[in-house]
């Protein structure tokens, strides 16, 4: 009689156990490689946004303005200066190959503009989202009040990146309005508004804020020593809900913590249940957050960066020297 070769039950269990151990050992390495790739992609997104802002500065003579407030979205017919209600995201669109999106509503009457602006706010762009955090899709818009110059949307695009508002916190209320901005176009173009914009220009120390028109020459601490745009902190529980006050509008609005952050708060890694960092930079990455500087370079920065160094990097003209090895 011939004998049949086969595994015993014990041998089969041993093989399964060995395979399980190997998978357990390899899985963290695979996840680490994937996260490293996502972090590089995130850094590349910030590089594109920084270069877009620099191209804007070259074309218009100033960095992208912060716009008017969360109640407004961009208007293609209102230029790139203080008449523009939309914030930096709207203003860099032509420089990230999104000119058609930027021009939506151009030349139309008020009703046509509102409908076109709704189409824009519903349009996500991968460049504005960190792949370690969330996909570039439209997320729920749960706010009950309407944007002033845009039809109501049910879902909107959001950004994982925020411009440097500086060390000193400012918002549209510092220009004499509420945080939504002016109540009308006439209000935003009034002599009072112009005077308040000038007051803000004298107080705000960042690159992008309400009505900002910051030139490269005004970055007196040097372009290599000043933040331009970086990753923002967000509670992971609120990535997709639209319930965080610092992530509840659309990325196409004017000045607001959805698209601007400040350095008076220390940066944080995204943490479940923690919503106190609505004004600070941060990220979903484990080892730090990415920041683009005003020279277009991108630096990976530790969450434990010295608070004073972080403050100085947010202030464009405090005159305090920074050692590049400190961040």
Protein backbone atom coordinates (compact mmCIF):
# COMPACT_ATOMS: atom_id res chain seq x y z
CA UNK A 1 0.00 0.00 0.00
CA UNK A 2 1.35 3.45 -0.92
CA UNK A 3 1.55 6.17 1.76
CA UNK A 4 0.01 9.64 1.20
CA UNK A 5 2.05 12.70 2.22
CA UNK A 6 0.01 15.31 4.11
CA UNK A 7 0.22 17.93 6.89
CA UNK A 8 -0.90 16.94 10.31
CA UNK A 9 -3.29 19.24 12.13
CA UNK A 10 -0.50 20.36 14.45
CA UNK A 11 1.76 21.23 11.52
CA UNK A 12 -1.03 23.20 9.84
CA UNK A 13 -1.66 25.19 13.00
CA UNK A 14 2.05 25.96 13.32
CA UNK A 15 2.20 27.23 9.73
CA UNK A 16 -0.88 29.41 10.29
CA UNK A 17 0.65 30.79 13.47
CA UNK A 18 3.92 31.62 11.67
CA UNK A 19 2.03 33.38 8.86
CA UNK A 20 0.07 35.36 11.44
CA UNK A 21 3.28 36.44 13.17
CA UNK A 22 4.82 37.51 9.86
CA UNK A 23 1.74 39.52 8.96
CA UNK A 24 1.79 41.11 12.40
CA UNK A 25 5.42 42.10 11.90
CA UNK A 26 4.96 43.39 8.35
CA UNK A 27 1.71 45.34 8.82
CA UNK A 28 3.19 48.19 10.89
CA UNK A 29 6.00 48.54 8.37
CA UNK A 30 3.52 48.70 5.49
CA UNK A 31 1.43 51.27 7.37
CA UNK A 32 4.55 53.30 8.12
CA UNK A 33 5.53 53.35 4.44
CA UNK A 34 2.03 54.40 3.44
CA UNK A 35 1.98 57.22 6.00
CA UNK A 36 5.41 58.39 4.84
CA UNK A 37 4.06 58.56 1.28
CA UNK A 38 0.99 60.48 2.42
CA UNK A 39 3.13 62.92 4.35
CA UNK A 40 5.28 63.56 1.29
CA UNK A 41 2.13 64.13 -0.75
CA UNK A 42 0.88 66.57 1.90
CA UNK A 43 4.20 68.42 1.73
CA UNK A 44 3.87 68.61 -2.06
CA UNK A 45 0.40 70.11 -1.70
CA UNK A 46 1.78 72.85 0.53
CA UNK A 47 4.62 73.44 -1.92
CA UNK A 48 2.06 74.02 -4.69
CA UNK A 49 0.03 76.38 -2.51
CA UNK A 50 3.10 78.35 -1.45
CA UNK A 51 4.25 78.75 -5.05
CA UNK A 52 0.71 79.80 -6.00
CA UNK A 53 0.78 82.51 -3.32
CA UNK A 54 4.20 83.67 -4.53
CA UNK A 55 2.97 83.82 -8.12
CA UNK A 56 0.01 85.85 -6.88
CA UNK A 57 2.39 88.22 -5.11
CA UNK A 58 4.40 88.65 -8.29
CA UNK A 59 1.29 89.23 -10.42
CA UNK A 60 -0.58 91.59 -8.08
CA UNK A 61 2.15 93.06 -5.91
CA UNK A 62 0.92 91.46 -2.68
CA UNK A 63 0.17 88.08 -1.16
CA UNK A 64 -3.43 86.81 -1.45
CA UNK A 65 -5.77 88.90 0.63
CA UNK A 66 -7.77 87.40 3.48
CA UNK A 67 -11.08 88.72 2.19
CA UNK A 68 -14.00 89.97 4.28
CA UNK A 69 -15.19 87.18 6.57
CA UNK A 70 -17.02 83.85 6.70
CA UNK A 71 -20.25 85.36 5.36
CA UNK A 72 -18.72 85.92 1.93
CA UNK A 73 -17.19 83.83 -0.82
CA UNK A 74 -14.98 84.93 -3.70
CA UNK A 75 -16.25 87.01 -6.61
CA UNK A 76 -14.32 86.84 -9.89
CA UNK A 77 -15.38 90.38 -10.85
CA UNK A 78 -13.96 92.06 -7.75
CA UNK A 79 -10.24 91.83 -8.35
CA UNK A 80 -7.55 90.67 -5.94
CA UNK A 81 -7.39 93.58 -3.49
CA UNK A 82 -9.55 94.83 -0.63
CA UNK A 83 -12.68 94.82 -2.82
CA UNK A 84 -12.41 91.02 -2.96
CA UNK A 85 -14.63 89.35 -0.34
CA UNK A 86 -13.15 85.88 -0.87
CA UNK A 87 -10.09 84.68 1.04
CA UNK A 88 -6.70 83.31 0.05
CA UNK A 89 -8.04 79.99 -1.25
CA UNK A 90 -10.22 81.76 -3.80
CA UNK A 91 -7.42 84.10 -4.77
CA UNK A 92 -4.81 81.41 -5.50
CA UNK A 93 -7.11 79.33 -7.71
CA UNK A 94 -5.70 80.71 -11.01
CA UNK A 95 -2.21 79.65 -9.84
CA UNK A 96 -3.14 76.03 -9.06
CA UNK A 97 -4.62 75.41 -12.53
CA UNK A 98 -8.16 76.25 -11.40
CA UNK A 99 -8.80 79.45 -13.34
CA UNK A 100 -12.15 78.20 -14.67
CA UNK A 101 -13.32 77.59 -11.10
CA UNK A 102 -12.09 81.03 -10.05
CA UNK A 103 -14.02 82.67 -12.90
CA UNK A 104 -17.38 81.07 -12.14
CA UNK A 105 -20.01 83.83 -12.00
CA UNK A 106 -17.92 86.40 -13.86
CA UNK A 107 -20.09 88.92 -15.69
CA UNK A 108 -23.38 87.57 -14.34
CA UNK A 109 -26.10 89.41 -12.45
CA UNK A 110 -26.55 88.88 -8.72
CA UNK A 111 -28.82 85.85 -9.12
CA UNK A 112 -26.47 84.24 -11.62
CA UNK A 113 -23.48 84.91 -9.40
CA UNK A 114 -25.12 83.31 -6.38
CA UNK A 115 -25.84 80.13 -8.33
CA UNK A 116 -22.32 80.04 -9.80
CA UNK A 117 -20.75 80.64 -6.39
CA UNK A 118 -22.74 77.68 -5.04
CA UNK A 119 -21.23 75.52 -7.76
CA UNK A 120 -17.75 76.64 -6.71
CA UNK A 121 -18.18 76.02 -2.99
CA UNK A 122 -19.39 72.50 -3.77
CA UNK A 123 -16.19 71.72 -5.69
CA UNK A 124 -13.34 70.03 -3.77
CA UNK A 125 -9.71 70.19 -4.92
CA UNK A 126 -7.23 67.50 -3.89
CA UNK A 127 -4.43 70.06 -3.44
CA UNK A 128 -6.25 71.53 -0.43
CA UNK A 129 -6.61 68.28 1.52
CA UNK A 130 -4.08 66.27 3.49
CA UNK A 131 -4.28 62.58 2.45
CA UNK A 132 -3.47 61.51 6.03
CA UNK A 133 -6.64 63.24 7.26
CA UNK A 134 -9.49 63.08 4.76
CA UNK A 135 -10.45 62.74 1.13
CA UNK A 136 -11.03 65.65 -1.22
CA UNK A 137 -14.81 65.40 -1.32
CA UNK A 138 -17.66 67.73 -0.43
CA UNK A 139 -18.64 67.57 3.26
CA UNK A 140 -21.94 68.42 4.97
CA UNK A 141 -22.78 72.09 5.36
CA UNK A 142 -24.95 72.16 8.46
CA UNK A 143 -25.06 75.90 9.20
CA UNK A 144 -28.58 77.33 9.13
CA UNK A 145 -27.66 80.79 7.86
CA UNK A 146 -26.93 81.61 4.23
CA UNK A 147 -23.73 83.00 2.82
CA UNK A 148 -24.35 86.58 1.75
CA UNK A 149 -23.35 86.22 -1.91
CA UNK A 150 -23.96 82.51 -2.46
CA UNK A 151 -26.99 80.24 -2.71
CA UNK A 152 -27.35 77.69 0.09
CA UNK A 153 -25.35 74.49 -0.43
CA UNK A 154 -25.88 71.17 1.32
CA UNK A 155 -22.28 70.02 0.89
CA UNK A 156 -19.11 72.09 0.54
CA UNK A 157 -15.38 71.74 -0.05
CA UNK A 158 -13.08 72.23 2.94
CA UNK A 159 -9.34 72.76 3.34
CA UNK A 160 -6.84 71.08 5.65
CA UNK A 161 -4.44 74.00 5.17
CA UNK A 162 -4.53 77.47 6.69
CA UNK A 163 -2.71 80.70 5.97
CA UNK A 164 -0.51 82.41 8.55
CA UNK A 165 -2.65 85.04 10.26
CA UNK A 166 0.27 86.00 12.50
CA UNK A 167 0.95 85.96 16.22
CA UNK A 168 -1.67 88.62 16.99
CA UNK A 169 -5.18 87.23 16.56
CA UNK A 170 -7.45 89.31 14.35
CA UNK A 171 -10.71 88.58 12.56
CA UNK A 172 -13.32 90.67 10.66
CA UNK A 173 -14.69 92.04 13.94
CA UNK A 174 -11.45 94.03 14.24
CA UNK A 175 -12.48 95.84 11.06
CA UNK A 176 -15.68 97.05 12.69
CA UNK A 177 -17.99 94.19 11.60
CA UNK A 178 -19.04 90.89 13.07
CA UNK A 179 -17.01 87.83 12.17
CA UNK A 180 -19.17 87.29 9.06
CA UNK A 181 -17.86 90.56 7.61
CA UNK A 182 -19.81 93.49 6.15
CA UNK A 183 -23.54 93.26 5.62
CA UNK A 184 -23.40 94.36 1.98
CA UNK A 185 -21.07 95.26 -0.87
CA UNK A 186 -21.62 98.94 -0.11
CA UNK A 187 -20.65 98.35 3.51
CA UNK A 188 -17.45 96.60 2.44
CA UNK A 189 -16.52 99.45 0.10
CA UNK A 190 -17.36 102.33 2.42
CA UNK A 191 -14.82 104.91 3.61
CA UNK A 192 -15.22 103.45 7.09
CA UNK A 193 -14.27 100.00 5.80
CA UNK A 194 -11.23 101.41 4.03
CA UNK A 195 -10.12 103.13 7.23
CA UNK A 196 -10.60 99.94 9.24
CA UNK A 197 -8.62 97.93 6.71
CA UNK A 198 -5.77 100.39 7.22
CA UNK A 199 -6.01 99.98 10.99
CA UNK A 200 -5.80 96.21 10.61
CA UNK A 201 -2.79 96.51 8.33
CA UNK A 202 -1.04 98.37 11.14
CA UNK A 203 -1.97 95.82 13.85
CA UNK A 204 -1.96 92.38 12.23
CA UNK A 205 1.50 90.84 12.01
CA UNK A 206 0.90 87.82 9.77
CA UNK A 207 0.65 87.38 6.00
CA UNK A 208 -3.09 86.85 5.47
CA UNK A 209 -5.91 88.53 7.41
CA UNK A 210 -9.04 90.61 6.81
CA UNK A 211 -8.33 92.97 3.91
CA UNK A 212 -4.59 92.15 3.92
CA UNK A 213 -2.32 93.45 1.17
CA UNK A 214 1.07 92.28 2.44
CA UNK A 215 3.98 92.62 0.05
CA UNK A 216 7.18 90.61 0.08
CA UNK A 217 8.99 93.77 1.17
CA UNK A 218 6.88 93.86 4.33
CA UNK A 219 8.16 90.43 5.35
CA UNK A 220 11.07 92.14 7.07
CA UNK A 221 12.15 89.12 9.10
CA UNK A 222 12.95 87.39 5.83
CA UNK A 223 11.02 84.97 3.66
CA UNK A 224 12.93 82.00 5.10
CA UNK A 225 11.92 82.96 8.66
CA UNK A 226 8.18 83.54 8.19
CA UNK A 227 5.31 81.10 7.85
CA UNK A 228 3.08 81.43 4.80
CA UNK A 229 0.66 78.50 4.92
CA UNK A 230 0.55 75.21 6.79
CA UNK A 231 -1.50 72.39 8.19
CA UNK A 232 -4.29 73.23 10.62
CA UNK A 233 -5.35 71.38 13.76
CA UNK A 234 -8.67 69.51 13.70
CA UNK A 235 -10.41 67.12 16.08
CA UNK A 236 -10.62 63.71 14.30
CA UNK A 237 -14.19 63.29 15.55
CA UNK A 238 -15.16 66.25 13.38
CA UNK A 239 -13.27 65.55 10.15
CA UNK A 240 -16.46 64.85 8.21
CA UNK A 241 -19.26 66.36 10.29
CA UNK A 242 -18.94 70.11 9.75
CA UNK A 243 -19.63 70.56 13.46
CA UNK A 244 -16.29 72.13 14.41
CA UNK A 245 -16.56 75.95 14.55
CA UNK A 246 -13.13 76.12 12.88
CA UNK A 247 -14.11 73.78 10.04
CA UNK A 248 -17.81 74.36 9.44
CA UNK A 249 -17.81 76.69 6.44
CA UNK A 250 -16.33 76.25 2.98
CA UNK A 251 -12.72 76.84 2.03
CA UNK A 252 -13.76 79.56 -0.43
CA UNK A 253 -14.89 82.04 2.27
CA UNK A 254 -13.17 85.18 3.50
CA UNK A 255 -11.09 85.54 6.67
CA UNK A 256 -11.98 82.90 9.27
CA UNK A 257 -10.27 80.22 11.34
CA UNK A 258 -11.43 77.64 8.76
CA UNK A 259 -8.68 78.93 6.47
CA UNK A 260 -6.36 80.96 8.74
CA UNK A 261 -4.52 80.07 11.93
CA UNK A 262 -2.33 81.97 14.40
CA UNK A 263 0.85 81.26 16.32
CA UNK A 264 -0.17 82.52 19.76
CA UNK A 265 -1.41 78.95 20.28
CA UNK A 266 1.10 76.10 20.19
CA UNK A 267 0.63 73.49 17.43
CA UNK A 268 -1.03 70.15 18.21
CA UNK A 269 -1.42 66.71 16.73
CA UNK A 270 -5.05 65.92 15.90
CA UNK A 271 -6.59 64.35 19.01
CA UNK A 272 -10.00 62.81 19.44
CA UNK A 273 -12.20 64.77 21.82
CA UNK A 274 -9.96 67.86 21.84
CA UNK A 275 -11.56 70.88 20.16
CA UNK A 276 -9.70 73.67 21.97
CA UNK A 277 -7.17 74.20 19.17
CA UNK A 278 -9.45 76.02 16.74
CA UNK A 279 -6.90 78.80 16.19
CA UNK A 280 -3.73 76.71 16.01
CA UNK A 281 -1.71 74.86 13.43
CA UNK A 282 -1.32 71.08 13.64
CA UNK A 283 -1.85 67.90 11.67
CA UNK A 284 -2.96 64.29 11.55
CA UNK A 285 0.68 63.14 11.18
CA UNK A 286 2.36 61.40 14.09
CA UNK A 287 5.71 63.17 14.05
CA UNK A 288 4.91 66.80 13.28
CA UNK A 289 3.18 69.17 10.88
CA UNK A 290 4.19 70.66 7.54
CA UNK A 291 4.62 74.42 7.11
CA UNK A 292 5.43 76.36 3.94
CA UNK A 293 7.52 79.48 4.38
CA UNK A 294 7.39 82.72 2.42
CA UNK A 295 10.29 81.60 0.23
CA UNK A 296 8.21 78.66 -1.01
CA UNK A 297 10.11 76.00 0.92
CA UNK A 298 8.28 73.45 3.09
CA UNK A 299 9.53 72.38 6.50
CA UNK A 300 8.44 69.43 8.61
CA UNK A 301 8.06 70.94 12.07
CA UNK A 302 7.86 69.23 15.45
CA UNK A 303 4.76 69.60 17.63
CA UNK A 304 7.20 70.38 20.44
CA UNK A 305 8.67 73.42 18.66
CA UNK A 306 9.63 76.11 21.17
CA UNK A 307 6.62 78.38 21.72
CA UNK A 308 8.67 81.55 21.23
CA UNK A 309 10.20 80.28 17.99
CA UNK A 310 6.72 79.38 16.73
CA UNK A 311 5.50 82.86 17.67
CA UNK A 312 8.37 84.53 15.82
CA UNK A 313 7.76 82.47 12.69
CA UNK A 314 4.19 83.79 12.62
CA UNK A 315 5.22 87.44 12.99
CA UNK A 316 6.54 88.81 9.70
CA UNK A 317 8.46 91.75 11.19
CA UNK A 318 9.29 91.37 14.87
CA UNK A 319 13.02 91.72 14.20
CA UNK A 320 13.93 88.66 16.28
CA UNK A 321 16.47 86.26 14.82
CA UNK A 322 15.62 82.59 14.34
CA UNK A 323 18.02 79.69 14.07
CA UNK A 324 16.77 77.37 11.33
CA UNK A 325 17.78 74.38 13.44
CA UNK A 326 15.12 75.38 16.00
CA UNK A 327 12.25 74.30 13.78
